C-alpha atoms as a PDB file:
ATOM      1  CA  MET A   1       0.000   0.000   0.000  1.00  0.00           C
ATOM      2  CA  PHE A   2       1.315   3.429  -1.012  1.00  0.00           C
ATOM      3  CA  ASP A   3       1.266   6.220   1.567  1.00  0.00           C
ATOM      4  CA  PHE A   4       2.945   9.468   2.648  1.00  0.00           C
ATOM      5  CA  ALA A   5       4.537   9.793   6.089  1.00  0.00           C
ATOM      6  CA  TRP A   6       4.136  13.608   6.088  1.00  0.00           C
ATOM      7  CA  PRO A   7       1.270  14.359   3.668  1.00  0.00           C
ATOM      8  CA  TRP A   8       0.825  17.923   4.998  1.00  0.00           C
ATOM      9  CA  MET A   9       4.112  18.846   3.359  1.00  0.00           C
ATOM     10  CA  VAL A  10       2.233  18.921   0.028  1.00  0.00           C
ATOM     11  CA  LEU A  11       0.928  22.348   1.092  1.00  0.00           C
ATOM     12  CA  LEU A  12       4.402  23.700   0.332  1.00  0.00           C
ATOM     13  CA  LEU A  13       3.549  23.363  -3.350  1.00  0.00           C
ATOM     14  CA  LEU A  14       1.741  26.697  -3.001  1.00  0.00           C
ATOM     15  CA  LEU A  15       4.788  28.504  -1.609  1.00  0.00           C
ATOM     16  CA  PRO A  16       6.131  29.830  -4.969  1.00  0.00           C
ATOM     17  CA  TRP A  17       2.664  31.144  -5.915  1.00  0.00           C
ATOM     18  CA  LEU A  18       2.314  32.876  -2.536  1.00  0.00           C
ATOM     19  CA  VAL A  19       5.719  34.499  -2.964  1.00  0.00           C
ATOM     20  CA  TRP A  20       4.807  35.649  -6.496  1.00  0.00           C
ATOM     21  CA  ARG A  21       1.401  36.892  -5.315  1.00  0.00           C
ATOM     22  CA  PHE A  22       2.294  38.794  -2.159  1.00  0.00           C
ATOM     23  CA  VAL A  23       6.024  39.645  -2.311  1.00  0.00           C
ATOM     24  CA  PRO A  24       6.751  42.767  -4.444  1.00  0.00           C
ATOM     25  CA  PRO A  25       9.139  42.275  -7.369  1.00  0.00           C
ATOM     26  CA  ALA A  26      12.736  43.206  -6.691  1.00  0.00           C
ATOM     27  CA  THR A  27      12.633  45.946  -9.338  1.00  0.00           C
ATOM     28  CA  GLN A  28       9.831  47.725  -7.453  1.00  0.00           C
ATOM     29  CA  MET A  29      11.535  47.328  -4.105  1.00  0.00           C
ATOM     30  CA  MET A  30      14.813  48.812  -5.347  1.00  0.00           C
ATOM     31  CA  GLN A  31      13.406  51.503  -7.657  1.00  0.00           C
ATOM     32  CA  GLY A  32      14.830  54.919  -6.796  1.00  0.00           C
ATOM     33  CA  VAL A  33      17.318  53.435  -4.361  1.00  0.00           C
ATOM     34  CA  LEU A  34      20.047  51.978  -6.511  1.00  0.00           C
ATOM     35  CA  PHE A  35      21.483  53.312  -9.737  1.00  0.00           C
ATOM     36  CA  ALA A  36      22.686  50.581 -12.083  1.00  0.00           C
ATOM     37  CA  PRO A  37      24.378  52.080 -15.141  1.00  0.00           C
ATOM     38  CA  PHE A  38      24.785  48.651 -16.731  1.00  0.00           C
ATOM     39  CA  VAL A  39      21.022  48.095 -16.930  1.00  0.00           C
ATOM     40  CA  GLY A  40      21.011  49.482 -20.413  1.00  0.00           C
ATOM     41  CA  VAL A  41      22.800  46.414 -21.610  1.00  0.00           C
ATOM     42  CA  TYR A  42      19.644  44.409 -20.936  1.00  0.00           C
ATOM     43  CA  GLN A  43      17.536  46.781 -22.988  1.00  0.00           C
ATOM     44  CA  HIS A  44      18.741  45.249 -26.213  1.00  0.00           C
ATOM     45  CA  GLU A  45      15.692  44.543 -28.335  1.00  0.00           C
ATOM     46  CA  ASN A  46      16.115  40.771 -28.784  1.00  0.00           C
ATOM     47  CA  LEU A  47      17.248  40.064 -25.203  1.00  0.00           C
ATOM     48  CA  SER A  48      14.603  42.337 -23.669  1.00  0.00           C
ATOM     49  CA  SER A  49      11.808  40.800 -25.632  1.00  0.00           C
ATOM     50  CA  SER A  50      12.922  37.268 -24.735  1.00  0.00           C
ATOM     51  CA  ILE A  51      12.999  38.048 -21.009  1.00  0.00           C
ATOM     52  CA  MET A  52       9.797  40.041 -20.758  1.00  0.00           C
ATOM     53  CA  SER A  53       7.624  38.102 -23.164  1.00  0.00           C
ATOM     54  CA  THR A  54       4.783  35.977 -21.909  1.00  0.00           C
ATOM     55  CA  ARG A  55       5.994  33.065 -23.889  1.00  0.00           C
ATOM     56  CA  LYS A  56       9.246  32.948 -21.888  1.00  0.00           C
ATOM     57  CA  LYS A  57       7.284  32.379 -18.691  1.00  0.00           C
ATOM     58  CA  PHE A  58       6.068  29.092 -20.081  1.00  0.00           C
ATOM     59  CA  SER A  59       9.343  28.009 -21.579  1.00  0.00           C
ATOM     60  CA  LEU A  60      11.256  24.810 -20.965  1.00  0.00           C
ATOM     61  CA  LEU A  61      13.138  26.485 -18.106  1.00  0.00           C
ATOM     62  CA  PHE A  62       9.932  27.550 -16.372  1.00  0.00           C
ATOM     63  CA  TRP A  63       8.266  24.150 -16.544  1.00  0.00           C
ATOM     64  CA  GLY A  64      11.494  22.435 -15.606  1.00  0.00           C
ATOM     65  CA  ALA A  65      11.669  24.530 -12.434  1.00  0.00           C
ATOM     66  CA  VAL A  66       8.036  23.700 -11.650  1.00  0.00           C
ATOM     67  CA  ILE A  67       8.667  19.966 -12.020  1.00  0.00           C
ATOM     68  CA  CYS A  68      11.801  20.226  -9.831  1.00  0.00           C
ATOM     69  CA  TRP A  69       9.767  21.913  -7.106  1.00  0.00           C
ATOM     70  CA  ILE A  70       7.037  19.260  -7.281  1.00  0.00           C
ATOM     71  CA  LEU A  71       9.599  16.451  -7.055  1.00  0.00           C
ATOM     72  CA  LEU A  72      11.278  18.117  -4.075  1.00  0.00           C
ATOM     73  CA  ILE A  73       7.984  18.459  -2.208  1.00  0.00           C
ATOM     74  CA  LEU A  74       7.096  14.843  -2.960  1.00  0.00           C
ATOM     75  CA  ALA A  75      10.420  13.765  -1.471  1.00  0.00           C
ATOM     76  CA  ILE A  76       9.846  15.903   1.645  1.00  0.00           C
ATOM     77  CA  ALA A  77       6.405  14.279   2.102  1.00  0.00           C
ATOM     78  CA  ARG A  78       8.246  10.919   2.430  1.00  0.00           C
ATOM     79  CA  PRO A  79       6.420   8.510   0.127  1.00  0.00           C
ATOM     80  CA  GLN A  80       6.419   4.970   1.499  1.00  0.00           C
ATOM     81  CA  TRP A  81       5.390   1.502   0.454  1.00  0.00           C
ATOM     82  CA  LEU A  82       3.715  -0.392   3.298  1.00  0.00           C
ATOM     83  CA  GLY A  83       3.985  -4.168   3.111  1.00  0.00           C
ATOM     84  CA  GLU A  84       1.566  -6.779   4.365  1.00  0.00           C
ATOM     85  CA  ALA A  85       0.789  -6.597   8.097  1.00  0.00           C
ATOM     86  CA  ILE A  86       2.858  -8.929  10.289  1.00  0.00           C
ATOM     87  CA  GLU A  87       1.750 -10.049  13.744  1.00  0.00           C
ATOM     88  CA  LEU A  88       4.528  -9.785  16.335  1.00  0.00           C
ATOM     89  CA  PRO A  89       4.121 -11.238  19.831  1.00  0.00           C
ATOM     90  CA  GLU A  90       5.097  -8.983  22.696  1.00  0.00           C
ATOM     91  CA  THR A  91       4.865  -8.796  26.447  1.00  0.00           C
ATOM     92  CA  GLY A  92       6.550  -5.503  27.141  1.00  0.00           C
ATOM     93  CA  ARG A  93       8.891  -7.416  29.467  1.00  0.00           C
ATOM     94  CA  ASN A  94      12.622  -6.842  29.511  1.00  0.00           C
ATOM     95  CA  LEU A  95      14.408 -10.005  30.636  1.00  0.00           C
ATOM     96  CA  LEU A  96      18.115 -10.000  31.431  1.00  0.00           C
ATOM     97  CA  LEU A  97      20.079 -13.158  32.123  1.00  0.00           C
ATOM     98  CA  ALA A  98      23.180 -12.729  34.288  1.00  0.00           C
ATOM     99  CA  VAL A  99      25.449 -15.783  34.092  1.00  0.00           C
ATOM    100  CA  ASP A 100      28.447 -16.468  36.309  1.00  0.00           C
ATOM    101  CA  VAL A 101      31.552 -17.339  34.239  1.00  0.00           C
ATOM    102  CA  SER A 102      34.057 -17.365  37.101  1.00  0.00           C
ATOM    103  CA  GLY A 103      36.691 -20.066  37.535  1.00  0.00           C
ATOM    104  CA  SER A 104      34.560 -22.287  39.755  1.00  0.00           C
ATOM    105  CA  MET A 105      32.082 -22.849  36.899  1.00  0.00           C
ATOM    106  CA  GLU A 106      34.536 -25.367  35.423  1.00  0.00           C
ATOM    107  CA  ILE A 107      33.783 -27.872  38.231  1.00  0.00           C
ATOM    108  CA  VAL A 108      32.200 -31.082  36.894  1.00  0.00           C
ATOM    109  CA  ASP A 109      29.477 -32.028  39.373  1.00  0.00           C
ATOM    110  CA  MET A 110      26.055 -31.467  37.757  1.00  0.00           C
ATOM    111  CA  ASP A 111      25.978 -33.923  34.869  1.00  0.00           C
ATOM    112  CA  ASP A 112      27.361 -37.248  36.146  1.00  0.00           C
ATOM    113  CA  GLY A 113      30.902 -36.224  35.325  1.00  0.00           C
ATOM    114  CA  ARG A 114      30.214 -35.454  31.655  1.00  0.00           C
ATOM    115  CA  SER A 115      30.022 -31.636  31.549  1.00  0.00           C
ATOM    116  CA  ASN A 116      31.148 -28.780  33.760  1.00  0.00           C
ATOM    117  CA  ARG A 117      28.723 -26.354  35.363  1.00  0.00           C
ATOM    118  CA  LEU A 118      28.910 -23.724  32.642  1.00  0.00           C
ATOM    119  CA  ASP A 119      28.259 -26.240  29.858  1.00  0.00           C
ATOM    120  CA  VAL A 120      25.138 -27.462  31.646  1.00  0.00           C
ATOM    121  CA  VAL A 121      23.952 -23.888  32.174  1.00  0.00           C
ATOM    122  CA  LYS A 122      24.525 -22.996  28.520  1.00  0.00           C
ATOM    123  CA  GLN A 123      22.451 -25.940  27.338  1.00  0.00           C
ATOM    124  CA  VAL A 124      19.542 -25.419  29.730  1.00  0.00           C
ATOM    125  CA  ALA A 125      19.503 -21.607  29.603  1.00  0.00           C
ATOM    126  CA  GLY A 126      19.774 -21.752  25.806  1.00  0.00           C
ATOM    127  CA  ASP A 127      16.521 -23.722  25.645  1.00  0.00           C
ATOM    128  CA  PHE A 128      14.942 -21.208  28.020  1.00  0.00           C
ATOM    129  CA  ILE A 129      15.934 -18.286  25.749  1.00  0.00           C
ATOM    130  CA  GLN A 130      14.344 -19.903  22.707  1.00  0.00           C
ATOM    131  CA  ARG A 131      11.077 -20.410  24.612  1.00  0.00           C
ATOM    132  CA  ARG A 132      10.762 -16.744  25.613  1.00  0.00           C
ATOM    133  CA  ARG A 133       8.857 -15.764  22.496  1.00  0.00           C
ATOM    134  CA  GLY A 134       7.803 -12.126  22.804  1.00  0.00           C
ATOM    135  CA  ASP A 135      10.298 -10.990  25.452  1.00  0.00           C
ATOM    136  CA  ARG A 136      13.216  -8.652  24.892  1.00  0.00           C
ATOM    137  CA  ILE A 137      16.196 -10.607  26.202  1.00  0.00           C
ATOM    138  CA  GLY A 138      19.705  -9.473  27.082  1.00  0.00           C
ATOM    139  CA  LEU A 139      22.765 -11.279  28.423  1.00  0.00           C
ATOM    140  CA  ILE A 140      25.192 -10.218  31.165  1.00  0.00           C
ATOM    141  CA  LEU A 141      28.358 -12.179  31.916  1.00  0.00           C
ATOM    142  CA  PHE A 142      30.169 -11.674  35.204  1.00  0.00           C
ATOM    143  CA  GLY A 143      33.294 -12.895  36.918  1.00  0.00           C
ATOM    144  CA  THR A 144      35.763 -10.456  38.453  1.00  0.00           C
ATOM    145  CA  HIS A 145      33.927  -7.834  36.381  1.00  0.00           C
ATOM    146  CA  ALA A 146      30.463  -7.666  34.864  1.00  0.00           C
ATOM    147  CA  TYR A 147      29.766  -6.639  31.308  1.00  0.00           C
ATOM    148  CA  LEU A 148      26.912  -6.674  28.819  1.00  0.00           C
ATOM    149  CA  GLN A 149      27.354  -9.425  26.265  1.00  0.00           C
ATOM    150  CA  ALA A 150      24.051  -8.839  24.426  1.00  0.00           C
ATOM    151  CA  PRO A 151      21.708  -5.835  24.759  1.00  0.00           C
ATOM    152  CA  LEU A 152      17.948  -6.259  25.029  1.00  0.00           C
ATOM    153  CA  THR A 153      16.652  -7.642  21.749  1.00  0.00           C
ATOM    154  CA  PHE A 154      13.958  -9.786  20.136  1.00  0.00           C
ATOM    155  CA  ASP A 155      16.721 -11.651  18.293  1.00  0.00           C
ATOM    156  CA  HIS A 156      16.830 -14.618  20.645  1.00  0.00           C
ATOM    157  CA  SER A 157      18.957 -16.722  18.303  1.00  0.00           C
ATOM    158  CA  THR A 158      21.804 -14.213  18.497  1.00  0.00           C
ATOM    159  CA  VAL A 159      21.584 -14.031  22.298  1.00  0.00           C
ATOM    160  CA  ASN A 160      21.687 -17.819  22.489  1.00  0.00           C
ATOM    161  CA  THR A 161      24.677 -17.939  20.135  1.00  0.00           C
ATOM    162  CA  LEU A 162      26.576 -15.469  22.297  1.00  0.00           C
ATOM    163  CA  LEU A 163      25.766 -17.549  25.360  1.00  0.00           C
ATOM    164  CA  GLN A 164      26.986 -20.756  23.711  1.00  0.00           C
ATOM    165  CA  GLU A 165      30.268 -19.064  22.732  1.00  0.00           C
ATOM    166  CA  THR A 166      30.972 -18.024  26.323  1.00  0.00           C
ATOM    167  CA  VAL A 167      34.065 -19.480  27.957  1.00  0.00           C
ATOM    168  CA  ILE A 168      35.063 -19.725  31.605  1.00  0.00           C
ATOM    169  CA  GLY A 169      37.221 -16.877  32.876  1.00  0.00           C
ATOM    170  CA  ILE A 170      36.295 -14.465  30.083  1.00  0.00           C
ATOM    171  CA  ALA A 171      35.335 -11.892  32.742  1.00  0.00           C
ATOM    172  CA  GLY A 172      37.890 -12.979  35.356  1.00  0.00           C
ATOM    173  CA  ARG A 173      38.132 -15.842  37.826  1.00  0.00           C
ATOM    174  CA  GLU A 174      36.341 -14.230  40.804  1.00  0.00           C
ATOM    175  CA  THR A 175      32.647 -13.414  41.329  1.00  0.00           C
ATOM    176  CA  ALA A 176      31.070  -9.933  41.296  1.00  0.00           C
ATOM    177  CA  ILE A 177      27.392 -10.536  42.028  1.00  0.00           C
ATOM    178  CA  GLY A 178      26.684  -6.951  43.095  1.00  0.00           C
ATOM    179  CA  ASP A 179      28.243  -5.529  39.929  1.00  0.00           C
ATOM    180  CA  ALA A 180      26.123  -7.870  37.799  1.00  0.00           C
ATOM    181  CA  ILE A 181      22.951  -6.480  39.368  1.00  0.00           C
ATOM    182  CA  GLY A 182      24.323  -2.960  38.951  1.00  0.00           C
ATOM    183  CA  MET A 183      24.941  -3.590  35.249  1.00  0.00           C
ATOM    184  CA  ALA A 184      21.353  -4.780  34.860  1.00  0.00           C
ATOM    185  CA  LEU A 185      20.040  -1.644  36.570  1.00  0.00           C
ATOM    186  CA  LYS A 186      22.124   0.519  34.267  1.00  0.00           C
ATOM    187  CA  ARG A 187      20.803  -1.169  31.138  1.00  0.00           C
ATOM    188  CA  LEU A 188      17.179  -1.237  32.294  1.00  0.00           C
ATOM    189  CA  ARG A 189      17.082   2.345  33.566  1.00  0.00           C
ATOM    190  CA  LYS A 190      15.383   3.749  30.452  1.00  0.00           C
ATOM    191  CA  ALA A 191      13.510   0.590  29.461  1.00  0.00           C
ATOM    192  CA  SER A 192       9.711   0.631  29.495  1.00  0.00           C
ATOM    193  CA  GLY A 193       7.559  -2.252  30.702  1.00  0.00           C
ATOM    194  CA  GLU A 194       8.266  -4.970  33.250  1.00  0.00           C
ATOM    195  CA  THR A 195      11.905  -5.602  34.114  1.00  0.00           C
ATOM    196  CA  VAL A 196      13.217  -8.976  35.294  1.00  0.00           C
ATOM    197  CA  LEU A 197      16.713 -10.243  36.050  1.00  0.00           C
ATOM    198  CA  VAL A 198      17.576 -13.949  36.331  1.00  0.00           C
ATOM    199  CA  LEU A 199      20.955 -14.187  38.067  1.00  0.00           C
ATOM    200  CA  LEU A 200      22.796 -17.514  38.131  1.00  0.00           C
ATOM    201  CA  THR A 201      25.934 -18.147  40.167  1.00  0.00           C
ATOM    202  CA  ASP A 202      27.789 -20.911  41.944  1.00  0.00           C
ATOM    203  CA  GLY A 203      29.654 -18.880  44.532  1.00  0.00           C
ATOM    204  CA  ALA A 204      29.770 -15.878  46.832  1.00  0.00           C
ATOM    205  CA  ASN A 205      30.544 -12.257  46.082  1.00  0.00           C
ATOM    206  CA  THR A 206      34.368 -11.989  46.075  1.00  0.00           C
ATOM    207  CA  SER A 207      34.884  -8.995  43.791  1.00  0.00           C
ATOM    208  CA  GLY A 208      33.253  -5.838  42.495  1.00  0.00           C
ATOM    209  CA  GLN A 209      32.550  -2.314  43.655  1.00  0.00           C
ATOM    210  CA  VAL A 210      28.957  -2.815  44.856  1.00  0.00           C
ATOM    211  CA  SER A 211      27.877  -5.264  47.541  1.00  0.00           C
ATOM    212  CA  PRO A 212      25.038  -7.644  46.593  1.00  0.00           C
ATOM    213  CA  ARG A 213      22.710  -6.337  49.306  1.00  0.00           C
ATOM    214  CA  LYS A 214      23.265  -2.714  48.331  1.00  0.00           C
ATOM    215  CA  ALA A 215      22.612  -3.637  44.718  1.00  0.00           C
ATOM    216  CA  ALA A 216      19.413  -5.403  45.804  1.00  0.00           C
ATOM    217  CA  GLU A 217      18.230  -2.229  47.561  1.00  0.00           C
ATOM    218  CA  LEU A 218      18.774  -0.249  44.356  1.00  0.00           C
ATOM    219  CA  ALA A 219      16.952  -2.923  42.362  1.00  0.00           C
ATOM    220  CA  LYS A 220      13.995  -2.683  44.707  1.00  0.00           C
ATOM    221  CA  GLN A 221      13.873   1.100  44.222  1.00  0.00           C
ATOM    222  CA  GLN A 222      13.770   0.654  40.439  1.00  0.00           C
ATOM    223  CA  SER A 223      11.169  -2.159  40.592  1.00  0.00           C
ATOM    224  CA  LEU A 224      13.547  -4.751  39.183  1.00  0.00           C
ATOM    225  CA  ARG A 225      12.546  -8.296  40.143  1.00  0.00           C
ATOM    226  CA  VAL A 226      15.556 -10.522  40.637  1.00  0.00           C
ATOM    227  CA  TYR A 227      15.318 -14.307  40.494  1.00  0.00           C
ATOM    228  CA  THR A 228      18.483 -15.937  41.824  1.00  0.00           C
ATOM    229  CA  ILE A 229      19.693 -19.434  40.975  1.00  0.00           C
ATOM    230  CA  GLY A 230      22.462 -21.153  42.910  1.00  0.00           C
ATOM    231  CA  VAL A 231      24.096 -23.993  40.982  1.00  0.00           C
ATOM    232  CA  GLY A 232      26.483 -26.732  42.023  1.00  0.00           C
ATOM    233  CA  GLY A 233      26.283 -30.347  43.109  1.00  0.00           C
ATOM    234  CA  GLY A 234      25.400 -31.262  46.666  1.00  0.00           C
ATOM    235  CA  PRO A 235      27.506 -33.176  49.194  1.00  0.00           C
ATOM    236  CA  ARG A 236      28.622 -36.584  47.951  1.00  0.00           C
ATOM    237  CA  GLU A 237      30.857 -39.466  48.948  1.00  0.00           C
ATOM    238  CA  VAL A 238      34.280 -39.639  47.343  1.00  0.00           C
ATOM    239  CA  ARG A 239      36.598 -42.615  47.662  1.00  0.00           C
ATOM    240  CA  GLY A 240      40.231 -41.857  48.419  1.00  0.00           C
ATOM    241  CA  LEU A 241      43.364 -43.519  49.698  1.00  0.00           C
ATOM    242  CA  PHE A 242      42.066 -43.329  53.247  1.00  0.00           C
ATOM    243  CA  GLY A 243      38.524 -44.505  52.534  1.00  0.00           C
ATOM    244  CA  THR A 244      35.404 -42.568  51.631  1.00  0.00           C
ATOM    245  CA  GLN A 245      34.772 -39.020  52.675  1.00  0.00           C
ATOM    246  CA  ILE A 246      32.003 -36.443  52.212  1.00  0.00           C
ATOM    247  CA  VAL A 247      32.889 -33.654  49.750  1.00  0.00           C
ATOM    248  CA  ASN A 248      30.740 -30.563  49.221  1.00  0.00           C
ATOM    249  CA  THR A 249      31.739 -28.942  45.921  1.00  0.00           C
ATOM    250  CA  SER A 250      29.244 -26.126  46.553  1.00  0.00           C
ATOM    251  CA  SER A 251      30.621 -25.007  49.882  1.00  0.00           C
ATOM    252  CA  ASP A 252      31.402 -21.558  48.440  1.00  0.00           C
ATOM    253  CA  LEU A 253      27.808 -20.900  47.389  1.00  0.00           C
ATOM    254  CA  ASP A 254      26.294 -18.046  49.425  1.00  0.00           C
ATOM    255  CA  GLU A 255      22.679 -19.194  49.509  1.00  0.00           C
ATOM    256  CA  GLU A 256      21.763 -16.745  52.256  1.00  0.00           C
ATOM    257  CA  THR A 257      22.718 -13.692  50.187  1.00  0.00           C
ATOM    258  CA  LEU A 258      20.959 -15.034  47.103  1.00  0.00           C
ATOM    259  CA  GLN A 259      17.821 -15.570  49.178  1.00  0.00           C
ATOM    260  CA  VAL A 260      18.008 -12.018  50.549  1.00  0.00           C
ATOM    261  CA  ILE A 261      18.386 -10.543  47.051  1.00  0.00           C
ATOM    262  CA  ALA A 262      15.339 -12.425  45.799  1.00  0.00           C
ATOM    263  CA  ASP A 263      13.212 -11.541  48.851  1.00  0.00           C
ATOM    264  CA  MET A 264      14.100  -7.834  48.721  1.00  0.00           C
ATOM    265  CA  THR A 265      13.205  -7.476  45.032  1.00  0.00           C
ATOM    266  CA  GLY A 266      10.072  -9.611  44.895  1.00  0.00           C
ATOM    267  CA  GLY A 267      11.706 -12.553  43.140  1.00  0.00           C
ATOM    268  CA  GLN A 268      12.533 -16.089  44.266  1.00  0.00           C
ATOM    269  CA  PHE A 269      15.642 -18.095  45.061  1.00  0.00           C
ATOM    270  CA  PHE A 270      16.187 -21.500  43.462  1.00  0.00           C
ATOM    271  CA  ARG A 271      18.786 -24.172  44.107  1.00  0.00           C
ATOM    272  CA  ALA A 272      19.971 -26.426  41.271  1.00  0.00           C
ATOM    273  CA  THR A 273      22.170 -29.417  42.037  1.00  0.00           C
ATOM    274  CA  ASP A 274      22.032 -31.129  38.629  1.00  0.00           C
ATOM    275  CA  ARG A 275      20.735 -30.739  35.083  1.00  0.00           C
ATOM    276  CA  LYS A 276      17.201 -31.956  35.872  1.00  0.00           C
ATOM    277  CA  THR A 277      16.645 -29.543  38.743  1.00  0.00           C
ATOM    278  CA  LEU A 278      18.027 -26.665  36.650  1.00  0.00           C
ATOM    279  CA  GLU A 279      15.654 -27.508  33.803  1.00  0.00           C
ATOM    280  CA  ALA A 280      12.765 -27.625  36.271  1.00  0.00           C
ATOM    281  CA  ILE A 281      13.742 -24.180  37.610  1.00  0.00           C
ATOM    282  CA  TYR A 282      13.664 -22.564  34.173  1.00  0.00           C
ATOM    283  CA  HIS A 283      10.324 -24.196  33.404  1.00  0.00           C
ATOM    284  CA  GLN A 284       9.029 -22.827  36.688  1.00  0.00           C
ATOM    285  CA  LEU A 285      10.231 -19.373  35.630  1.00  0.00           C
ATOM    286  CA  ASP A 286       8.172 -19.791  32.456  1.00  0.00           C
ATOM    287  CA  GLU A 287       5.102 -20.221  34.655  1.00  0.00           C
ATOM    288  CA  ILE A 288       5.943 -17.391  37.049  1.00  0.00           C
ATOM    289  CA  GLU A 289       6.782 -14.955  34.247  1.00  0.00           C
ATOM    290  CA  PRO A 290       4.638 -16.046  31.270  1.00  0.00           C
ATOM    291  CA  ALA A 291       6.326 -15.264  27.987  1.00  0.00           C
ATOM    292  CA  LEU A 292       3.381 -14.423  25.723  1.00  0.00           C
ATOM    293  CA  LYS A 293       0.654 -11.949  26.674  1.00  0.00           C
ATOM    294  CA  GLY A 294      -0.397 -10.367  23.399  1.00  0.00           C
ATOM    295  CA  SER A 295       0.653  -9.272  19.959  1.00  0.00           C
ATOM    296  CA  ARG A 296       0.719  -6.237  17.694  1.00  0.00           C
ATOM    297  CA  LEU A 297       0.445  -5.717  13.957  1.00  0.00           C
ATOM    298  CA  VAL A 298       3.277  -3.994  12.146  1.00  0.00           C
ATOM    299  CA  ARG A 299       3.800  -3.225   8.467  1.00  0.00           C
ATOM    300  CA  PRO A 300       7.287  -3.298   6.957  1.00  0.00           C
ATOM    301  CA  VAL A 301       8.028   0.128   5.511  1.00  0.00           C
ATOM    302  CA  THR A 302      10.078   0.809   2.377  1.00  0.00           C
ATOM    303  CA  GLU A 303      11.078   4.460   1.974  1.00  0.00           C
ATOM    304  CA  LEU A 304      10.595   5.795  -1.587  1.00  0.00           C
ATOM    305  CA  TYR A 305      11.658   9.434  -1.163  1.00  0.00           C
ATOM    306  CA  ILE A 306      14.995   8.720  -2.811  1.00  0.00           C
ATOM    307  CA  TRP A 307      13.313   8.385  -6.223  1.00  0.00           C
ATOM    308  CA  PRO A 308      11.647  11.832  -6.476  1.00  0.00           C
ATOM    309  CA  LEU A 309      14.646  13.381  -4.760  1.00  0.00           C
ATOM    310  CA  GLY A 310      17.061  11.794  -7.221  1.00  0.00           C
ATOM    311  CA  ALA A 311      14.892  12.753 -10.186  1.00  0.00           C
ATOM    312  CA  GLY A 312      14.689  16.341  -8.939  1.00  0.00           C
ATOM    313  CA  LEU A 313      18.455  16.593  -8.524  1.00  0.00           C
ATOM    314  CA  LEU A 314      19.043  15.163 -12.008  1.00  0.00           C
ATOM    315  CA  LEU A 315      16.527  17.543 -13.595  1.00  0.00           C
ATOM    316  CA  SER A 316      17.978  20.560 -11.771  1.00  0.00           C
ATOM    317  CA  PHE A 317      21.445  19.585 -13.014  1.00  0.00           C
ATOM    318  CA  MET A 318      20.146  19.409 -16.571  1.00  0.00           C
ATOM    319  CA  LEU A 319      18.455  22.808 -16.200  1.00  0.00           C
ATOM    320  CA  ALA A 320      21.690  24.302 -14.895  1.00  0.00           C
ATOM    321  CA  ILE A 321      23.523  23.051 -17.998  1.00  0.00           C
ATOM    322  CA  TYR A 322      20.739  24.483 -20.171  1.00  0.00           C
ATOM    323  CA  VAL A 323      21.002  27.938 -18.542  1.00  0.00           C
ATOM    324  CA  TRP A 324      24.797  27.861 -18.779  1.00  0.00           C
ATOM    325  CA  ARG A 325      24.707  27.081 -22.495  1.00  0.00           C
ATOM    326  CA  LYS A 326      22.129  29.830 -23.122  1.00  0.00           C
ATOM    327  CA  ALA A 327      24.267  32.342 -21.260  1.00  0.00           C
ATOM    328  CA  ALA A 328      27.323  31.234 -23.209  1.00  0.00           C
ATOM    329  CA  SER A 329      25.481  31.718 -26.499  1.00  0.00           C
ATOM    330  CA  TYR A 330      24.638  35.320 -25.550  1.00  0.00           C
ATOM    331  CA  GLY A 331      28.221  35.930 -24.554  1.00  0.00           C
END
């Protein structure tokens, strides 16, 4: 469907007529003020008659200028071609995933000795991202420092790809939980709609400029719900040279702080000890924060102003050559 973005600009077509109708000619405005001794040159019979004749007003130059003006106004009105309407799902929710990539995520204790913690998280969280149809999703990675890996976007495939390419230690070997929340607050400050952060870690805050509890207070002030997930296998028996002993590979996990963060911001704290429990947590998040609430119709827009604008520029260039050749012939 053809349309104009600014149809009122067509009123500018009348501007030359208004100037001609209401603005006095320059000869009348300057009469008796300036003395131009060279004006007699233009009183030559042939040249004078060609300039002042009625026929000259409707010459090729006149109509060329009119067409140039029309093309310019059409370009200013921004002609567009609107494609077929497309239905896009949306929730208005901004969902950020903050994933711990510190050194401890390389421990192999969540998948029967087959994959380390980060690999399990990438697989399960990747499936979660693809299910969030309609949400704007972003990705934060944190270790010693926190940084934004992917801004909020509907392009879930790209976010998932960036997550799958993540490697342990890319942000440092320590854990900055408070800075991760601070990064989310910074990115969601100007975002409209509901804001949710899902923070996953396997340790305690050992780095960063902001403490987790202070960051949680700021999140509460900005109405950011934070869901925290603590990952890592539970206590288990390990056989050694001196018999079996109980080993807790998740002894560094600060469950108390993660619980406080979730409680302060209106979220929930979850504990994942293996792949199955982590999958169940993300499915539970799907129920708590439903992905699809509605949709909107949009039409792809193709801008066409370049065509009248280009035609006008080409015609004006041709008219300039025409005037130059006429002036040269008189010279």
